Amino acid sequence: QVLLVESGGGLVQAGGSLRLSCAASGSIFSSNAMGWYRQAPGKQREPVATITKSSITNYADSVKGRFTISRDNAKNTLYLQMNNLKAEDTAVYYCNGVIPNFSYDRVEWGQGTLVTVSS
């Protein structure tokens, strides 16, 4: 069973920062690349950032230079440091393995953590 527990969301003013955490079960975390995803109201889920087991990272263009993904392999925990937040970053944020978008409906997700950025 996949266990994904996201935390750290909240309400923040534009320009502010938040750090999200994701506690993942070892079965999904230990040997896999991981990613953060988000789903804004009325929009489809989209990838935000990914990180390989050896910490090679990749970011969506919309968050490059503002967000940093990292992982602690000893703790099976994924992080997303979000700086200079914008109103358009408002969404529910999820973590998971690296999932192709056509498979989003076929995998289990955690409850997510809501990030609300006020302008």
C-alpha atoms as a PDB file:
ATOM      1  CA  GLN A   1       0.000   0.000   0.000  1.00  0.00           C
ATOM      2  CA  VAL A   2       1.295   3.409  -0.969  1.00  0.00           C
ATOM      3  CA  LEU A   3       1.466   5.949   1.827  1.00  0.00           C
ATOM      4  CA  LEU A   4       1.901   9.603   0.957  1.00  0.00           C
ATOM      5  CA  VAL A   5       1.302  12.315   3.546  1.00  0.00           C
ATOM      6  CA  GLU A   6       1.780  15.909   2.484  1.00  0.00           C
ATOM      7  CA  SER A   7       2.017  18.796   4.927  1.00  0.00           C
ATOM      8  CA  GLY A   8       3.178  22.380   5.258  1.00  0.00           C
ATOM      9  CA  GLY A   9       0.597  24.219   3.202  1.00  0.00           C
ATOM     10  CA  GLY A  10      -1.197  27.324   4.351  1.00  0.00           C
ATOM     11  CA  LEU A  11      -2.167  30.883   3.580  1.00  0.00           C
ATOM     12  CA  VAL A  12       0.655  33.222   2.615  1.00  0.00           C
ATOM     13  CA  GLN A  13       0.924  36.631   1.016  1.00  0.00           C
ATOM     14  CA  ALA A  14       2.402  37.044  -2.425  1.00  0.00           C
ATOM     15  CA  GLY A  15       6.176  37.148  -2.168  1.00  0.00           C
ATOM     16  CA  GLY A  16       6.199  34.889   0.860  1.00  0.00           C
ATOM     17  CA  SER A  17       7.594  31.406   1.355  1.00  0.00           C
ATOM     18  CA  LEU A  18       6.421  27.975   2.414  1.00  0.00           C
ATOM     19  CA  ARG A  19       8.115  24.623   2.811  1.00  0.00           C
ATOM     20  CA  LEU A  20       6.130  21.526   1.995  1.00  0.00           C
ATOM     21  CA  SER A  21       6.976  18.061   3.245  1.00  0.00           C
ATOM     22  CA  CYS A  22       5.919  14.640   2.055  1.00  0.00           C
ATOM     23  CA  ALA A  23       6.338  11.513   4.139  1.00  0.00           C
ATOM     24  CA  ALA A  24       6.324   8.542   1.806  1.00  0.00           C
ATOM     25  CA  SER A  25       6.330   4.818   2.329  1.00  0.00           C
ATOM     26  CA  GLY A  26       9.592   3.121   1.618  1.00  0.00           C
ATOM     27  CA  SER A  27       8.098   1.086  -1.183  1.00  0.00           C
ATOM     28  CA  ILE A  28       7.601   4.155  -3.341  1.00  0.00           C
ATOM     29  CA  PHE A  29      10.415   6.380  -2.119  1.00  0.00           C
ATOM     30  CA  SER A  30      13.526   4.314  -1.700  1.00  0.00           C
ATOM     31  CA  SER A  31      14.260   3.359  -5.284  1.00  0.00           C
ATOM     32  CA  ASN A  32      12.343   5.919  -7.269  1.00  0.00           C
ATOM     33  CA  ALA A  33      12.460   9.400  -8.556  1.00  0.00           C
ATOM     34  CA  MET A  34       9.851  11.525  -6.807  1.00  0.00           C
ATOM     35  CA  GLY A  35       7.828  14.539  -7.793  1.00  0.00           C
ATOM     36  CA  TRP A  36       5.600  17.343  -6.599  1.00  0.00           C
ATOM     37  CA  TYR A  37       2.394  18.054  -8.450  1.00  0.00           C
ATOM     38  CA  ARG A  38      -0.349  20.615  -8.012  1.00  0.00           C
ATOM     39  CA  GLN A  39      -3.958  21.073  -8.967  1.00  0.00           C
ATOM     40  CA  ALA A  40      -5.488  24.519  -8.991  1.00  0.00           C
ATOM     41  CA  PRO A  41      -9.258  24.999  -8.759  1.00  0.00           C
ATOM     42  CA  GLY A  42     -10.893  24.124 -12.039  1.00  0.00           C
ATOM     43  CA  LYS A  43      -7.624  22.993 -13.617  1.00  0.00           C
ATOM     44  CA  GLN A  44      -5.926  19.702 -14.287  1.00  0.00           C
ATOM     45  CA  ARG A  45      -3.177  18.322 -12.113  1.00  0.00           C
ATOM     46  CA  GLU A  46       0.263  19.374 -13.339  1.00  0.00           C
ATOM     47  CA  PRO A  47       3.847  18.472 -12.463  1.00  0.00           C
ATOM     48  CA  VAL A  48       5.840  21.048 -10.531  1.00  0.00           C
ATOM     49  CA  ALA A  49       9.231  19.467  -9.889  1.00  0.00           C
ATOM     50  CA  THR A  50      10.947  16.095  -9.909  1.00  0.00           C
ATOM     51  CA  ILE A  51      14.041  14.679  -8.258  1.00  0.00           C
ATOM     52  CA  THR A  52      15.894  11.451  -8.925  1.00  0.00           C
ATOM     53  CA  LYS A  53      17.248   9.197  -6.230  1.00  0.00           C
ATOM     54  CA  SER A  54      20.642  10.829  -6.796  1.00  0.00           C
ATOM     55  CA  SER A  55      19.060  14.302  -6.494  1.00  0.00           C
ATOM     56  CA  ILE A  56      19.029  15.388 -10.105  1.00  0.00           C
ATOM     57  CA  THR A  57      16.192  17.892 -10.316  1.00  0.00           C
ATOM     58  CA  ASN A  58      13.839  19.250 -12.931  1.00  0.00           C
ATOM     59  CA  TYR A  59      11.283  22.056 -12.687  1.00  0.00           C
ATOM     60  CA  ALA A  60       8.287  23.378 -14.517  1.00  0.00           C
ATOM     61  CA  ASP A  61       9.107  26.652 -16.236  1.00  0.00           C
ATOM     62  CA  SER A  62       6.568  28.468 -14.079  1.00  0.00           C
ATOM     63  CA  VAL A  63       8.467  27.713 -10.847  1.00  0.00           C
ATOM     64  CA  LYS A  64      12.104  27.717 -11.981  1.00  0.00           C
ATOM     65  CA  GLY A  65      14.238  29.931  -9.795  1.00  0.00           C
ATOM     66  CA  ARG A  66      11.565  30.108  -7.077  1.00  0.00           C
ATOM     67  CA  PHE A  67      10.985  26.505  -5.959  1.00  0.00           C
ATOM     68  CA  THR A  68      13.536  23.937  -4.787  1.00  0.00           C
ATOM     69  CA  ILE A  69      12.824  20.235  -4.502  1.00  0.00           C
ATOM     70  CA  SER A  70      14.933  18.061  -2.219  1.00  0.00           C
ATOM     71  CA  ARG A  71      14.792  14.686  -0.538  1.00  0.00           C
ATOM     72  CA  ASP A  72      16.062  12.949   2.568  1.00  0.00           C
ATOM     73  CA  ASN A  73      16.491   9.315   1.598  1.00  0.00           C
ATOM     74  CA  ALA A  74      17.149   8.260   5.194  1.00  0.00           C
ATOM     75  CA  LYS A  75      13.789   9.658   6.278  1.00  0.00           C
ATOM     76  CA  ASN A  76      11.782   8.786   3.138  1.00  0.00           C
ATOM     77  CA  THR A  77      10.796  12.438   3.004  1.00  0.00           C
ATOM     78  CA  LEU A  78      10.420  14.803   0.083  1.00  0.00           C
ATOM     79  CA  TYR A  79      10.491  18.583   0.393  1.00  0.00           C
ATOM     80  CA  LEU A  80       9.484  21.574  -1.684  1.00  0.00           C
ATOM     81  CA  GLN A  81      10.823  24.978  -0.691  1.00  0.00           C
ATOM     82  CA  MET A  82       8.666  27.619  -2.303  1.00  0.00           C
ATOM     83  CA  ASN A  83       9.898  31.212  -2.383  1.00  0.00           C
ATOM     84  CA  ASN A  84       8.511  34.382  -3.946  1.00  0.00           C
ATOM     85  CA  LEU A  85       5.075  32.822  -4.122  1.00  0.00           C
ATOM     86  CA  LYS A  86       2.556  34.184  -6.577  1.00  0.00           C
ATOM     87  CA  ALA A  87      -1.228  34.069  -6.659  1.00  0.00           C
ATOM     88  CA  GLU A  88      -1.057  31.597  -9.526  1.00  0.00           C
ATOM     89  CA  ASP A  89       0.754  29.130  -7.247  1.00  0.00           C
ATOM     90  CA  THR A  90      -2.499  28.643  -5.329  1.00  0.00           C
ATOM     91  CA  ALA A  91      -3.349  24.953  -5.548  1.00  0.00           C
ATOM     92  CA  VAL A  92      -3.449  21.676  -3.701  1.00  0.00           C
ATOM     93  CA  TYR A  93       0.042  20.194  -3.778  1.00  0.00           C
ATOM     94  CA  TYR A  94       0.682  16.457  -3.958  1.00  0.00           C
ATOM     95  CA  CYS A  95       3.739  14.254  -3.981  1.00  0.00           C
ATOM     96  CA  ASN A  96       4.187  10.920  -5.724  1.00  0.00           C
ATOM     97  CA  GLY A  97       6.601   8.993  -7.832  1.00  0.00           C
ATOM     98  CA  VAL A  98       7.214  10.340 -11.315  1.00  0.00           C
ATOM     99  CA  ILE A  99       3.889   9.712 -13.006  1.00  0.00           C
ATOM    100  CA  PRO A 100       3.095  10.420 -16.684  1.00  0.00           C
ATOM    101  CA  ASN A 101       0.060  12.677 -16.965  1.00  0.00           C
ATOM    102  CA  PHE A 102      -1.981  10.055 -18.768  1.00  0.00           C
ATOM    103  CA  SER A 103      -1.697   7.863 -15.655  1.00  0.00           C
ATOM    104  CA  TYR A 104      -2.733  10.408 -13.051  1.00  0.00           C
ATOM    105  CA  ASP A 105      -6.146   8.768 -12.649  1.00  0.00           C
ATOM    106  CA  ARG A 106      -4.657   5.297 -12.312  1.00  0.00           C
ATOM    107  CA  VAL A 107      -2.458   5.776  -9.236  1.00  0.00           C
ATOM    108  CA  GLU A 108      -3.084   6.471  -5.580  1.00  0.00           C
ATOM    109  CA  TRP A 109      -2.571   9.991  -4.256  1.00  0.00           C
ATOM    110  CA  GLY A 110      -2.356  11.382  -0.776  1.00  0.00           C
ATOM    111  CA  GLN A 111      -4.733  14.006   0.557  1.00  0.00           C
ATOM    112  CA  GLY A 112      -2.501  16.834  -0.597  1.00  0.00           C
ATOM    113  CA  THR A 113      -1.770  20.105   1.157  1.00  0.00           C
ATOM    114  CA  LEU A 114      -3.480  23.361   0.222  1.00  0.00           C
ATOM    115  CA  VAL A 115      -1.388  26.399  -0.591  1.00  0.00           C
ATOM    116  CA  THR A 116      -3.244  29.676  -0.871  1.00  0.00           C
ATOM    117  CA  VAL A 117      -1.376  32.786  -1.973  1.00  0.00           C
ATOM    118  CA  SER A 118      -3.120  36.085  -1.476  1.00  0.00           C
ATOM    119  CA  SER A 119      -2.260  38.950  -3.768  1.00  0.00           C
END
